[in-house]
């Protein structure tokens, strides 16, 4: 009988050290910014659904202004890995809502919807928490339809990076590498009837792919 593989917990203090390391790496990047909305300069200040790919989660959120992060609820899964991501995002001033397609998903989406209606923004990795990589799940489109909030796609493209052996090939930028930070044009999801909703999912993927370097 095959033994079940047990994931080991990270040692105490690991998230703090990871956070320090990622902040140092982010500060070292030779950064260019493409941002027609003013997301990274605080001129964009409406409740927004920020979306990105799961493999950019370590560095990308850091570049949102701290005032934006403090009023931003990030969605993470209820798994152990999701707990680590939640702890990391908390360390850079995000608020957290836990849930995924397999555990607590609808409850989490309703909580995100309420936060948008109360004037906060939310951040969602649209192919998370289990993938497939670069395939869009329904959560962001559903929330956008129910609230009328704009969707803003985000990406961080780095010239040199390490890739973890995870389902999403998580990227860790190499220090001092060239990097491009991109906020795409905002858009809306107008209806949740099936044909228009399916079209919205396709649009989300297209908009993210337009600003994402897949190397």
N, C-alpha and C. Protein backbone atom coordinates (compact mmCIF):
# COMPACT_ATOMS: atom_id res chain seq x y z
N UNK A 1 0.85 -1.20 0.00
CA UNK A 1 0.00 0.00 0.00
C UNK A 1 0.88 1.25 0.00
N UNK A 2 0.58 2.18 -0.91
CA UNK A 2 1.40 3.37 -1.03
C UNK A 2 1.15 4.33 0.13
N UNK A 3 2.22 4.81 0.72
CA UNK A 3 2.08 5.74 1.84
C UNK A 3 1.65 7.11 1.35
N UNK A 4 0.77 7.74 2.10
CA UNK A 4 0.32 9.08 1.78
C UNK A 4 1.42 10.08 2.11
N UNK A 5 1.70 10.95 1.16
CA UNK A 5 2.75 11.94 1.36
C UNK A 5 2.24 13.04 2.29
N UNK A 6 2.97 13.33 3.34
CA UNK A 6 2.58 14.35 4.32
C UNK A 6 3.45 15.59 4.14
N UNK A 7 2.78 16.71 3.97
CA UNK A 7 3.53 17.96 3.83
C UNK A 7 4.02 18.43 5.19
N UNK A 8 5.27 18.82 5.25
CA UNK A 8 5.81 19.33 6.49
C UNK A 8 5.47 20.80 6.68
N UNK A 9 5.20 21.16 7.91
CA UNK A 9 4.95 22.57 8.21
C UNK A 9 6.25 23.34 8.18
N UNK A 10 6.17 24.60 7.76
CA UNK A 10 7.35 25.46 7.78
C UNK A 10 7.73 25.76 9.23
N UNK A 11 9.02 25.88 9.51
CA UNK A 11 9.45 26.22 10.88
C UNK A 11 8.91 27.58 11.30
N UNK A 12 8.74 27.82 12.61
CA UNK A 12 8.30 29.13 13.10
C UNK A 12 9.24 30.24 12.61
N UNK A 13 8.63 31.34 12.21
CA UNK A 13 9.43 32.48 11.74
C UNK A 13 9.75 32.45 10.25
N UNK A 14 9.37 31.36 9.57
CA UNK A 14 9.71 31.23 8.15
C UNK A 14 9.03 32.30 7.30
N UNK A 15 7.75 32.56 7.58
CA UNK A 15 7.02 33.54 6.78
C UNK A 15 7.63 34.93 6.94
N UNK A 16 8.06 35.24 8.16
CA UNK A 16 8.72 36.54 8.39
C UNK A 16 9.98 36.65 7.55
N UNK A 17 10.77 35.59 7.52
CA UNK A 17 12.01 35.61 6.75
C UNK A 17 11.73 35.66 5.25
N UNK A 18 10.72 34.92 4.80
CA UNK A 18 10.34 34.95 3.38
C UNK A 18 9.88 36.35 3.00
N UNK A 19 9.10 36.97 3.88
CA UNK A 19 8.63 38.33 3.61
C UNK A 19 9.79 39.31 3.48
N UNK A 20 10.76 39.22 4.37
CA UNK A 20 11.93 40.10 4.28
C UNK A 20 12.70 39.87 2.99
N UNK A 21 12.84 38.59 2.62
CA UNK A 21 13.57 38.26 1.40
C UNK A 21 12.85 38.81 0.17
N UNK A 22 11.52 38.63 0.11
CA UNK A 22 10.77 39.10 -1.05
C UNK A 22 10.77 40.62 -1.14
N UNK A 23 10.68 41.30 0.00
CA UNK A 23 10.74 42.76 -0.02
C UNK A 23 12.09 43.23 -0.54
N UNK A 24 13.15 42.57 -0.12
CA UNK A 24 14.49 42.94 -0.59
C UNK A 24 14.63 42.72 -2.10
N UNK A 25 14.11 41.59 -2.57
CA UNK A 25 14.17 41.31 -4.01
C UNK A 25 13.36 42.35 -4.78
N UNK A 26 12.16 42.65 -4.31
CA UNK A 26 11.31 43.63 -4.99
C UNK A 26 11.99 45.00 -5.09
N UNK A 27 12.62 45.42 -4.01
CA UNK A 27 13.29 46.71 -4.01
C UNK A 27 14.49 46.75 -4.95
N UNK A 28 15.07 45.59 -5.24
CA UNK A 28 16.27 45.54 -6.08
C UNK A 28 15.96 45.55 -7.57
N UNK A 29 14.70 45.26 -7.95
CA UNK A 29 14.37 45.09 -9.36
C UNK A 29 14.54 46.39 -10.14
N UNK A 30 15.05 46.26 -11.34
CA UNK A 30 15.15 47.40 -12.26
C UNK A 30 13.83 47.49 -13.01
N UNK A 31 12.95 48.33 -12.48
CA UNK A 31 11.52 48.27 -12.80
C UNK A 31 11.11 49.32 -13.83
N UNK A 32 10.31 48.87 -14.80
CA UNK A 32 9.57 49.78 -15.68
C UNK A 32 8.09 49.54 -15.42
N UNK A 33 7.28 50.59 -15.55
CA UNK A 33 5.86 50.50 -15.19
C UNK A 33 4.99 50.95 -16.35
N UNK A 34 3.98 50.14 -16.65
CA UNK A 34 2.95 50.50 -17.63
C UNK A 34 1.61 50.50 -16.90
N UNK A 35 1.01 51.67 -16.75
CA UNK A 35 -0.12 51.80 -15.83
C UNK A 35 -1.02 52.95 -16.26
N UNK A 36 -1.88 52.72 -17.24
CA UNK A 36 -2.75 53.79 -17.74
C UNK A 36 -3.82 54.20 -16.74
N UNK A 37 -4.16 53.32 -15.79
CA UNK A 37 -5.20 53.63 -14.81
C UNK A 37 -4.68 54.40 -13.59
N UNK A 38 -3.37 54.39 -13.36
CA UNK A 38 -2.84 55.02 -12.16
C UNK A 38 -2.95 54.14 -10.93
N UNK A 39 -3.00 52.81 -11.14
CA UNK A 39 -3.14 51.88 -10.02
C UNK A 39 -1.95 51.97 -9.07
N UNK A 40 -0.75 52.11 -9.64
CA UNK A 40 0.47 52.08 -8.82
C UNK A 40 0.90 53.46 -8.33
N UNK A 41 0.07 54.47 -8.61
CA UNK A 41 0.39 55.84 -8.14
C UNK A 41 -0.73 56.42 -7.30
N UNK A 42 -1.70 55.58 -6.93
CA UNK A 42 -2.82 55.97 -6.05
C UNK A 42 -3.82 56.93 -6.68
N UNK A 43 -3.72 57.21 -7.97
CA UNK A 43 -4.74 58.05 -8.61
C UNK A 43 -5.98 57.24 -8.95
N UNK A 44 -5.87 55.94 -8.99
CA UNK A 44 -7.03 55.04 -9.16
C UNK A 44 -7.48 54.62 -7.77
N UNK A 45 -8.68 55.06 -7.37
CA UNK A 45 -9.06 54.85 -5.96
C UNK A 45 -10.48 54.33 -5.79
N UNK A 46 -11.02 53.65 -6.78
CA UNK A 46 -12.36 53.09 -6.65
C UNK A 46 -12.29 51.61 -6.26
N UNK A 47 -13.36 51.08 -5.64
CA UNK A 47 -13.37 49.65 -5.32
C UNK A 47 -13.17 48.82 -6.59
N UNK A 48 -12.18 47.93 -6.56
CA UNK A 48 -11.72 47.27 -7.78
C UNK A 48 -11.44 45.79 -7.52
N UNK A 49 -11.65 44.99 -8.56
CA UNK A 49 -11.26 43.59 -8.52
C UNK A 49 -9.94 43.47 -9.27
N UNK A 50 -8.85 43.32 -8.53
CA UNK A 50 -7.52 43.13 -9.13
C UNK A 50 -7.32 41.64 -9.40
N UNK A 51 -6.90 41.32 -10.61
CA UNK A 51 -6.70 39.92 -10.96
C UNK A 51 -5.28 39.70 -11.48
N UNK A 52 -4.78 38.49 -11.29
CA UNK A 52 -3.47 38.11 -11.79
C UNK A 52 -3.36 36.61 -11.80
N UNK A 53 -2.25 36.10 -12.30
CA UNK A 53 -2.00 34.66 -12.29
C UNK A 53 -1.37 34.24 -10.96
N UNK A 54 -1.64 33.04 -10.55
CA UNK A 54 -1.20 32.52 -9.26
C UNK A 54 0.32 32.53 -9.12
N UNK A 55 1.04 32.33 -10.22
CA UNK A 55 2.50 32.22 -10.11
C UNK A 55 3.21 33.56 -9.95
N UNK A 56 2.45 34.68 -9.91
CA UNK A 56 3.06 36.00 -9.69
C UNK A 56 2.73 36.54 -8.29
N UNK A 57 2.17 35.70 -7.43
CA UNK A 57 1.65 36.19 -6.14
C UNK A 57 2.72 36.65 -5.16
N UNK A 58 3.94 36.19 -5.29
CA UNK A 58 4.94 36.52 -4.28
C UNK A 58 5.40 37.97 -4.36
N UNK A 59 5.60 38.48 -5.57
CA UNK A 59 6.12 39.85 -5.71
C UNK A 59 5.06 40.86 -6.12
N UNK A 60 4.16 40.48 -7.02
CA UNK A 60 3.22 41.45 -7.58
C UNK A 60 2.45 42.26 -6.53
N UNK A 61 1.85 41.63 -5.50
CA UNK A 61 1.07 42.42 -4.54
C UNK A 61 1.88 43.50 -3.82
N UNK A 62 3.18 43.28 -3.67
CA UNK A 62 4.03 44.24 -2.96
C UNK A 62 4.02 45.61 -3.64
N UNK A 63 3.82 45.65 -4.95
CA UNK A 63 3.94 46.91 -5.68
C UNK A 63 2.68 47.77 -5.64
N UNK A 64 1.57 47.23 -5.13
CA UNK A 64 0.43 48.09 -4.90
C UNK A 64 0.77 49.04 -3.75
N UNK A 65 0.37 50.32 -3.84
CA UNK A 65 0.67 51.26 -2.76
C UNK A 65 0.13 50.74 -1.43
N UNK A 66 0.82 51.06 -0.36
CA UNK A 66 0.46 50.51 0.95
C UNK A 66 -0.95 50.92 1.36
N UNK A 67 -1.40 52.12 0.98
CA UNK A 67 -2.77 52.52 1.30
C UNK A 67 -3.78 51.64 0.58
N UNK A 68 -3.43 51.20 -0.61
CA UNK A 68 -4.30 50.29 -1.37
C UNK A 68 -4.30 48.91 -0.74
N UNK A 69 -3.12 48.44 -0.31
CA UNK A 69 -3.03 47.12 0.30
C UNK A 69 -3.86 47.03 1.58
N UNK A 70 -3.84 48.10 2.37
CA UNK A 70 -4.56 48.08 3.64
C UNK A 70 -6.07 48.00 3.44
N UNK A 71 -6.54 48.43 2.27
CA UNK A 71 -7.97 48.39 1.98
C UNK A 71 -8.28 47.34 0.91
N UNK A 72 -7.49 46.26 0.91
CA UNK A 72 -7.60 45.25 -0.13
C UNK A 72 -7.70 43.87 0.52
N UNK A 73 -8.71 43.11 0.12
CA UNK A 73 -8.92 41.76 0.64
C UNK A 73 -8.47 40.75 -0.41
N UNK A 74 -7.48 39.94 -0.07
CA UNK A 74 -6.96 38.93 -0.98
C UNK A 74 -7.62 37.58 -0.67
N UNK A 75 -7.94 36.86 -1.73
CA UNK A 75 -8.53 35.53 -1.58
C UNK A 75 -7.44 34.47 -1.60
N UNK A 76 -7.39 33.65 -0.54
CA UNK A 76 -6.46 32.52 -0.50
C UNK A 76 -7.23 31.26 -0.10
N UNK A 77 -6.69 30.11 -0.45
CA UNK A 77 -7.39 28.86 -0.18
C UNK A 77 -7.30 28.49 1.30
N UNK A 78 -8.07 27.47 1.69
CA UNK A 78 -8.07 26.99 3.07
C UNK A 78 -7.06 25.86 3.29
N UNK A 79 -6.22 25.61 2.31
CA UNK A 79 -5.18 24.60 2.45
C UNK A 79 -4.02 25.14 3.27
N UNK A 80 -3.06 24.26 3.58
CA UNK A 80 -1.87 24.70 4.31
C UNK A 80 -1.06 25.70 3.47
N UNK A 81 -0.93 25.42 2.16
CA UNK A 81 -0.22 26.37 1.29
C UNK A 81 -0.94 27.71 1.27
N UNK A 82 -2.29 27.66 1.26
CA UNK A 82 -3.07 28.89 1.30
C UNK A 82 -2.84 29.66 2.58
N UNK A 83 -2.63 28.92 3.68
CA UNK A 83 -2.33 29.57 4.96
C UNK A 83 -1.00 30.30 4.90
N UNK A 84 0.01 29.68 4.27
CA UNK A 84 1.31 30.34 4.13
C UNK A 84 1.19 31.61 3.28
N UNK A 85 0.45 31.51 2.18
CA UNK A 85 0.26 32.69 1.33
C UNK A 85 -0.49 33.78 2.09
N UNK A 86 -1.51 33.38 2.85
CA UNK A 86 -2.26 34.35 3.64
C UNK A 86 -1.36 35.06 4.65
N UNK A 87 -0.52 34.31 5.34
CA UNK A 87 0.39 34.90 6.32
C UNK A 87 1.36 35.87 5.65
N UNK A 88 1.85 35.48 4.47
CA UNK A 88 2.76 36.36 3.74
C UNK A 88 2.06 37.65 3.33
N UNK A 89 0.85 37.54 2.77
CA UNK A 89 0.13 38.74 2.33
C UNK A 89 -0.24 39.63 3.52
N UNK A 90 -0.57 39.02 4.65
CA UNK A 90 -0.82 39.82 5.86
C UNK A 90 0.42 40.62 6.25
N UNK A 91 1.60 40.03 6.04
CA UNK A 91 2.85 40.70 6.43
C UNK A 91 3.12 41.94 5.58
N UNK A 92 2.48 42.03 4.39
CA UNK A 92 2.63 43.24 3.57
C UNK A 92 1.33 44.03 3.53
N UNK A 93 0.51 43.86 4.61
CA UNK A 93 -0.62 44.72 4.89
C UNK A 93 -1.93 44.42 4.15
N UNK A 94 -2.03 43.26 3.54
CA UNK A 94 -3.31 42.86 2.96
C UNK A 94 -4.21 42.28 4.04
N UNK A 95 -5.52 42.38 3.81
CA UNK A 95 -6.48 41.64 4.61
C UNK A 95 -6.85 40.37 3.82
N UNK A 96 -7.30 39.34 4.53
CA UNK A 96 -7.43 38.02 3.92
C UNK A 96 -8.83 37.46 4.07
N UNK A 97 -9.31 36.83 3.01
CA UNK A 97 -10.51 36.01 3.04
C UNK A 97 -10.12 34.64 2.51
N UNK A 98 -10.49 33.58 3.26
CA UNK A 98 -10.07 32.22 2.91
C UNK A 98 -11.22 31.47 2.24
N UNK A 99 -10.91 30.72 1.19
CA UNK A 99 -11.90 29.90 0.52
C UNK A 99 -11.42 29.51 -0.85
N UNK A 100 -11.95 28.42 -1.40
CA UNK A 100 -11.56 27.96 -2.74
C UNK A 100 -12.72 27.19 -3.34
N UNK A 101 -12.53 26.73 -4.57
CA UNK A 101 -13.59 26.00 -5.26
C UNK A 101 -13.97 24.71 -4.52
N UNK A 102 -13.02 24.13 -3.78
CA UNK A 102 -13.29 22.86 -3.10
C UNK A 102 -13.73 23.03 -1.65
N UNK A 103 -13.37 24.15 -1.02
CA UNK A 103 -13.70 24.36 0.40
C UNK A 103 -14.05 25.83 0.64
N UNK A 104 -15.30 26.07 1.01
CA UNK A 104 -15.71 27.41 1.42
C UNK A 104 -15.74 28.43 0.30
N UNK A 105 -15.85 27.98 -0.94
CA UNK A 105 -15.73 28.89 -2.07
C UNK A 105 -16.83 29.94 -2.15
N UNK A 106 -18.10 29.51 -2.12
CA UNK A 106 -19.19 30.47 -2.26
C UNK A 106 -19.24 31.42 -1.08
N UNK A 107 -18.99 30.92 0.13
CA UNK A 107 -18.97 31.80 1.30
C UNK A 107 -17.91 32.88 1.14
N UNK A 108 -16.73 32.50 0.62
CA UNK A 108 -15.64 33.46 0.42
C UNK A 108 -16.02 34.49 -0.64
N UNK A 109 -16.67 34.05 -1.71
CA UNK A 109 -17.07 34.98 -2.77
C UNK A 109 -18.09 35.99 -2.25
N UNK A 110 -19.01 35.52 -1.43
CA UNK A 110 -20.01 36.43 -0.85
C UNK A 110 -19.33 37.46 0.06
N UNK A 111 -18.33 37.01 0.82
CA UNK A 111 -17.58 37.95 1.67
C UNK A 111 -16.84 38.99 0.82
N UNK A 112 -16.22 38.55 -0.28
CA UNK A 112 -15.54 39.48 -1.16
C UNK A 112 -16.53 40.47 -1.76
N UNK A 113 -17.69 39.99 -2.16
CA UNK A 113 -18.75 40.86 -2.70
C UNK A 113 -19.13 41.94 -1.69
N UNK A 114 -19.29 41.54 -0.42
CA UNK A 114 -19.66 42.51 0.63
C UNK A 114 -18.57 43.55 0.82
N UNK A 115 -17.31 43.14 0.76
CA UNK A 115 -16.21 44.09 0.93
C UNK A 115 -16.19 45.11 -0.20
N UNK A 116 -16.44 44.68 -1.42
CA UNK A 116 -16.51 45.62 -2.54
C UNK A 116 -17.67 46.60 -2.34
N UNK A 117 -18.80 46.10 -1.90
CA UNK A 117 -19.97 46.95 -1.68
C UNK A 117 -19.72 47.94 -0.55
N UNK A 118 -18.80 47.59 0.37
CA UNK A 118 -18.45 48.49 1.48
C UNK A 118 -17.32 49.45 1.13
N UNK A 119 -16.83 49.40 -0.11
CA UNK A 119 -15.82 50.36 -0.55
C UNK A 119 -14.40 49.86 -0.59
N UNK A 120 -14.17 48.57 -0.27
CA UNK A 120 -12.82 48.00 -0.34
C UNK A 120 -12.58 47.40 -1.72
N UNK A 121 -11.33 47.05 -1.99
CA UNK A 121 -10.97 46.33 -3.21
C UNK A 121 -10.63 44.89 -2.86
N UNK A 122 -10.54 44.04 -3.88
CA UNK A 122 -10.19 42.64 -3.66
C UNK A 122 -9.14 42.22 -4.68
N UNK A 123 -8.36 41.18 -4.33
CA UNK A 123 -7.36 40.63 -5.24
C UNK A 123 -7.57 39.12 -5.36
N UNK A 124 -7.60 38.63 -6.61
CA UNK A 124 -7.87 37.23 -6.87
C UNK A 124 -6.87 36.69 -7.89
N UNK A 125 -6.26 35.56 -7.57
CA UNK A 125 -5.48 34.81 -8.56
C UNK A 125 -6.46 33.94 -9.32
N UNK A 126 -6.75 34.30 -10.57
CA UNK A 126 -7.91 33.73 -11.25
C UNK A 126 -7.72 32.27 -11.66
N UNK A 127 -6.49 31.76 -11.64
CA UNK A 127 -6.29 30.33 -11.93
C UNK A 127 -6.01 29.53 -10.66
N UNK A 128 -6.19 30.13 -9.51
CA UNK A 128 -5.90 29.44 -8.27
C UNK A 128 -7.15 28.80 -7.69
N UNK A 129 -6.98 28.00 -6.61
CA UNK A 129 -5.70 27.65 -5.98
C UNK A 129 -5.02 26.40 -6.55
N UNK A 130 -5.70 25.69 -7.46
CA UNK A 130 -5.13 24.42 -7.94
C UNK A 130 -4.95 24.38 -9.46
N UNK A 131 -5.32 25.44 -10.16
CA UNK A 131 -5.15 25.45 -11.60
C UNK A 131 -6.33 24.84 -12.33
N UNK A 132 -6.11 24.47 -13.59
CA UNK A 132 -4.83 24.46 -14.32
C UNK A 132 -4.22 25.85 -14.47
N UNK A 133 -2.91 25.87 -14.64
CA UNK A 133 -2.19 27.13 -14.80
C UNK A 133 -2.72 27.88 -16.01
N UNK A 134 -2.95 29.19 -15.81
CA UNK A 134 -3.40 30.10 -16.88
C UNK A 134 -4.79 29.76 -17.41
N UNK A 135 -5.59 29.05 -16.60
CA UNK A 135 -6.99 28.81 -16.96
C UNK A 135 -7.87 29.52 -15.92
N UNK A 136 -8.80 30.33 -16.40
CA UNK A 136 -9.57 31.22 -15.52
C UNK A 136 -10.73 30.49 -14.85
N UNK A 137 -10.81 30.60 -13.52
CA UNK A 137 -11.95 30.12 -12.76
C UNK A 137 -13.03 31.21 -12.72
N UNK A 138 -14.21 30.89 -12.20
CA UNK A 138 -15.36 31.77 -12.37
C UNK A 138 -15.50 32.88 -11.33
N UNK A 139 -14.75 32.81 -10.22
CA UNK A 139 -15.01 33.70 -9.09
C UNK A 139 -14.95 35.18 -9.41
N UNK A 140 -13.90 35.64 -10.06
CA UNK A 140 -13.74 37.08 -10.33
C UNK A 140 -14.87 37.60 -11.21
N UNK A 141 -15.25 36.83 -12.24
CA UNK A 141 -16.33 37.26 -13.14
C UNK A 141 -17.66 37.34 -12.39
N UNK A 142 -17.90 36.37 -11.50
CA UNK A 142 -19.15 36.36 -10.74
C UNK A 142 -19.25 37.60 -9.85
N UNK A 143 -18.17 37.91 -9.14
CA UNK A 143 -18.18 39.07 -8.25
C UNK A 143 -18.35 40.37 -9.06
N UNK A 144 -17.67 40.45 -10.20
CA UNK A 144 -17.76 41.65 -11.03
C UNK A 144 -19.19 41.87 -11.52
N UNK A 145 -19.84 40.78 -11.90
CA UNK A 145 -21.22 40.87 -12.37
C UNK A 145 -22.16 41.31 -11.26
N UNK A 146 -21.98 40.75 -10.08
CA UNK A 146 -22.89 41.03 -8.97
C UNK A 146 -22.70 42.43 -8.37
N UNK A 147 -21.50 43.00 -8.49
CA UNK A 147 -21.21 44.29 -7.85
C UNK A 147 -21.09 45.45 -8.84
N UNK A 148 -20.82 45.16 -10.11
CA UNK A 148 -20.56 46.22 -11.07
C UNK A 148 -19.18 46.83 -10.92
N UNK A 149 -18.32 46.22 -10.09
CA UNK A 149 -16.97 46.75 -9.89
C UNK A 149 -16.10 46.47 -11.10
N UNK A 150 -15.17 47.37 -11.41
CA UNK A 150 -14.26 47.14 -12.54
C UNK A 150 -13.23 46.07 -12.21
N UNK A 151 -12.80 45.38 -13.24
CA UNK A 151 -11.70 44.42 -13.14
C UNK A 151 -10.45 45.06 -13.72
N UNK A 152 -9.33 44.98 -13.00
CA UNK A 152 -8.05 45.48 -13.49
C UNK A 152 -7.05 44.33 -13.50
N UNK A 153 -6.57 43.90 -14.67
CA UNK A 153 -5.56 42.84 -14.74
C UNK A 153 -4.17 43.36 -14.41
N UNK A 154 -3.41 42.58 -13.64
CA UNK A 154 -2.07 42.96 -13.23
C UNK A 154 -1.08 41.86 -13.61
N UNK A 155 0.15 42.26 -13.92
CA UNK A 155 1.19 41.27 -14.15
C UNK A 155 2.56 41.86 -13.80
N UNK A 156 3.46 40.99 -13.38
CA UNK A 156 4.85 41.34 -13.18
C UNK A 156 5.68 40.38 -14.03
N UNK A 157 6.37 40.92 -15.03
CA UNK A 157 7.18 40.13 -15.95
C UNK A 157 8.65 40.41 -15.67
N UNK A 158 9.39 39.38 -15.37
CA UNK A 158 10.81 39.55 -15.04
C UNK A 158 11.69 38.85 -16.07
N UNK A 159 12.81 39.48 -16.36
CA UNK A 159 13.72 38.92 -17.37
C UNK A 159 14.37 37.64 -16.87
N UNK A 160 14.76 37.62 -15.60
CA UNK A 160 15.38 36.43 -15.03
C UNK A 160 14.66 36.08 -13.72
N UNK A 161 14.34 34.80 -13.57
CA UNK A 161 13.66 34.37 -12.35
C UNK A 161 13.86 32.87 -12.16
N UNK A 162 13.65 32.46 -10.92
CA UNK A 162 13.60 31.03 -10.60
C UNK A 162 12.15 30.57 -10.70
N UNK A 163 11.94 29.28 -11.03
CA UNK A 163 10.61 28.70 -11.05
C UNK A 163 10.55 27.55 -10.05
N UNK A 164 9.57 27.61 -9.16
CA UNK A 164 9.39 26.52 -8.21
C UNK A 164 8.73 25.33 -8.90
N UNK A 165 8.94 24.15 -8.33
CA UNK A 165 8.33 22.93 -8.89
C UNK A 165 6.94 22.74 -8.30
N UNK A 166 6.08 23.69 -8.59
CA UNK A 166 4.70 23.65 -8.13
C UNK A 166 3.78 23.64 -9.35
N UNK A 167 2.48 23.39 -9.13
CA UNK A 167 1.55 23.28 -10.27
C UNK A 167 1.53 24.54 -11.12
N UNK A 168 1.79 25.70 -10.50
CA UNK A 168 1.72 26.97 -11.23
C UNK A 168 3.09 27.49 -11.66
N UNK A 169 4.16 26.76 -11.33
CA UNK A 169 5.54 27.21 -11.62
C UNK A 169 5.78 28.61 -11.05
N UNK A 170 5.51 28.77 -9.76
CA UNK A 170 5.68 30.05 -9.08
C UNK A 170 7.02 30.68 -9.43
N UNK A 171 6.96 31.98 -9.78
CA UNK A 171 8.17 32.70 -10.18
C UNK A 171 8.73 33.53 -9.02
N UNK A 172 10.02 33.43 -8.81
CA UNK A 172 10.74 34.28 -7.86
C UNK A 172 11.77 35.07 -8.65
N UNK A 173 11.61 36.37 -8.78
CA UNK A 173 12.56 37.16 -9.57
C UNK A 173 13.97 37.06 -8.99
N UNK A 174 14.96 37.05 -9.87
CA UNK A 174 16.33 37.11 -9.42
C UNK A 174 16.68 38.56 -9.08
N UNK A 175 17.42 38.79 -8.00
CA UNK A 175 17.73 40.16 -7.58
C UNK A 175 18.36 40.97 -8.72
N UNK A 176 17.93 42.23 -8.81
CA UNK A 176 18.48 43.23 -9.74
C UNK A 176 18.15 42.95 -11.21
N UNK A 177 17.27 41.99 -11.46
CA UNK A 177 16.91 41.74 -12.85
C UNK A 177 15.97 42.83 -13.37
N UNK A 178 15.86 42.94 -14.68
CA UNK A 178 14.90 43.85 -15.29
C UNK A 178 13.49 43.29 -15.10
N UNK A 179 12.55 44.18 -14.82
CA UNK A 179 11.18 43.75 -14.58
C UNK A 179 10.20 44.77 -15.14
N UNK A 180 9.07 44.28 -15.60
CA UNK A 180 8.01 45.13 -16.12
C UNK A 180 6.76 44.92 -15.28
N UNK A 181 6.26 45.98 -14.69
CA UNK A 181 5.04 45.96 -13.89
C UNK A 181 3.91 46.55 -14.73
N UNK A 182 2.86 45.78 -14.94
CA UNK A 182 1.81 46.20 -15.86
C UNK A 182 0.44 46.14 -15.19
N UNK A 183 -0.32 47.24 -15.35
CA UNK A 183 -1.74 47.26 -15.01
C UNK A 183 -2.50 47.50 -16.30
N UNK A 184 -3.27 46.51 -16.72
CA UNK A 184 -4.03 46.65 -17.96
C UNK A 184 -5.23 47.54 -17.79
N UNK A 185 -5.87 47.89 -18.90
CA UNK A 185 -7.07 48.71 -18.86
C UNK A 185 -8.19 47.99 -18.12
N UNK A 186 -8.98 48.75 -17.38
CA UNK A 186 -10.08 48.14 -16.63
C UNK A 186 -11.24 47.78 -17.57
N UNK A 187 -12.05 46.84 -17.13
CA UNK A 187 -13.24 46.45 -17.89
C UNK A 187 -14.29 45.92 -16.93
N UNK A 188 -15.50 45.68 -17.45
CA UNK A 188 -16.63 45.28 -16.61
C UNK A 188 -17.26 43.99 -17.13
N UNK A 189 -17.96 43.30 -16.25
CA UNK A 189 -18.78 42.15 -16.62
C UNK A 189 -20.24 42.58 -16.47
N UNK A 190 -20.96 42.64 -17.58
CA UNK A 190 -22.28 43.26 -17.58
C UNK A 190 -23.42 42.32 -17.20
N UNK A 191 -23.26 41.02 -17.48
CA UNK A 191 -24.38 40.10 -17.30
C UNK A 191 -23.88 38.72 -16.89
N UNK A 192 -24.74 37.97 -16.19
CA UNK A 192 -24.37 36.61 -15.82
C UNK A 192 -25.15 35.55 -16.61
N UNK A 193 -25.81 35.96 -17.72
CA UNK A 193 -26.40 34.91 -18.55
C UNK A 193 -25.26 34.10 -19.17
N UNK A 194 -25.52 32.85 -19.50
CA UNK A 194 -24.43 31.90 -19.80
C UNK A 194 -23.51 32.37 -20.93
N UNK A 195 -24.08 32.83 -22.01
CA UNK A 195 -23.25 33.20 -23.16
C UNK A 195 -22.35 34.39 -22.82
N UNK A 196 -22.91 35.40 -22.15
CA UNK A 196 -22.12 36.58 -21.81
C UNK A 196 -21.12 36.28 -20.70
N UNK A 197 -21.51 35.39 -19.78
CA UNK A 197 -20.59 35.02 -18.70
C UNK A 197 -19.40 34.25 -19.27
N UNK A 198 -19.66 33.32 -20.17
CA UNK A 198 -18.57 32.58 -20.82
C UNK A 198 -17.66 33.53 -21.59
N UNK A 199 -18.27 34.53 -22.23
CA UNK A 199 -17.49 35.54 -22.96
C UNK A 199 -16.62 36.34 -22.00
N UNK A 200 -17.15 36.62 -20.79
CA UNK A 200 -16.38 37.37 -19.79
C UNK A 200 -15.16 36.58 -19.34
N UNK A 201 -15.32 35.26 -19.14
CA UNK A 201 -14.18 34.43 -18.75
C UNK A 201 -13.11 34.45 -19.83
N UNK A 202 -13.55 34.41 -21.07
CA UNK A 202 -12.61 34.46 -22.19
C UNK A 202 -11.89 35.81 -22.21
N UNK A 203 -12.65 36.90 -21.96
CA UNK A 203 -12.05 38.23 -21.94
C UNK A 203 -11.01 38.36 -20.84
N UNK A 204 -11.33 37.82 -19.65
CA UNK A 204 -10.37 37.87 -18.53
C UNK A 204 -9.06 37.21 -18.93
N UNK A 205 -9.15 36.02 -19.52
CA UNK A 205 -7.93 35.33 -19.93
C UNK A 205 -7.18 36.12 -21.00
N UNK A 206 -7.89 36.65 -21.99
CA UNK A 206 -7.24 37.41 -23.06
C UNK A 206 -6.55 38.65 -22.51
N UNK A 207 -7.22 39.38 -21.61
CA UNK A 207 -6.65 40.61 -21.06
C UNK A 207 -5.39 40.31 -20.24
N UNK A 208 -5.41 39.21 -19.48
CA UNK A 208 -4.23 38.85 -18.71
C UNK A 208 -3.09 38.36 -19.60
N UNK A 209 -3.44 37.57 -20.61
CA UNK A 209 -2.40 37.08 -21.52
C UNK A 209 -1.74 38.22 -22.29
N UNK A 210 -2.50 39.27 -22.59
CA UNK A 210 -1.95 40.42 -23.31
C UNK A 210 -0.81 41.08 -22.55
N UNK A 211 -0.86 41.03 -21.22
CA UNK A 211 0.13 41.75 -20.42
C UNK A 211 1.12 40.81 -19.72
N UNK A 212 1.03 39.51 -20.01
CA UNK A 212 1.86 38.52 -19.32
C UNK A 212 2.93 37.95 -20.24
N UNK A 213 4.17 38.02 -19.77
CA UNK A 213 5.27 37.35 -20.47
C UNK A 213 5.35 35.93 -19.91
N UNK A 214 5.18 34.93 -20.76
CA UNK A 214 5.11 33.55 -20.31
C UNK A 214 6.46 32.86 -20.22
N UNK A 215 7.55 33.53 -20.49
CA UNK A 215 8.89 32.91 -20.41
C UNK A 215 9.19 32.45 -18.99
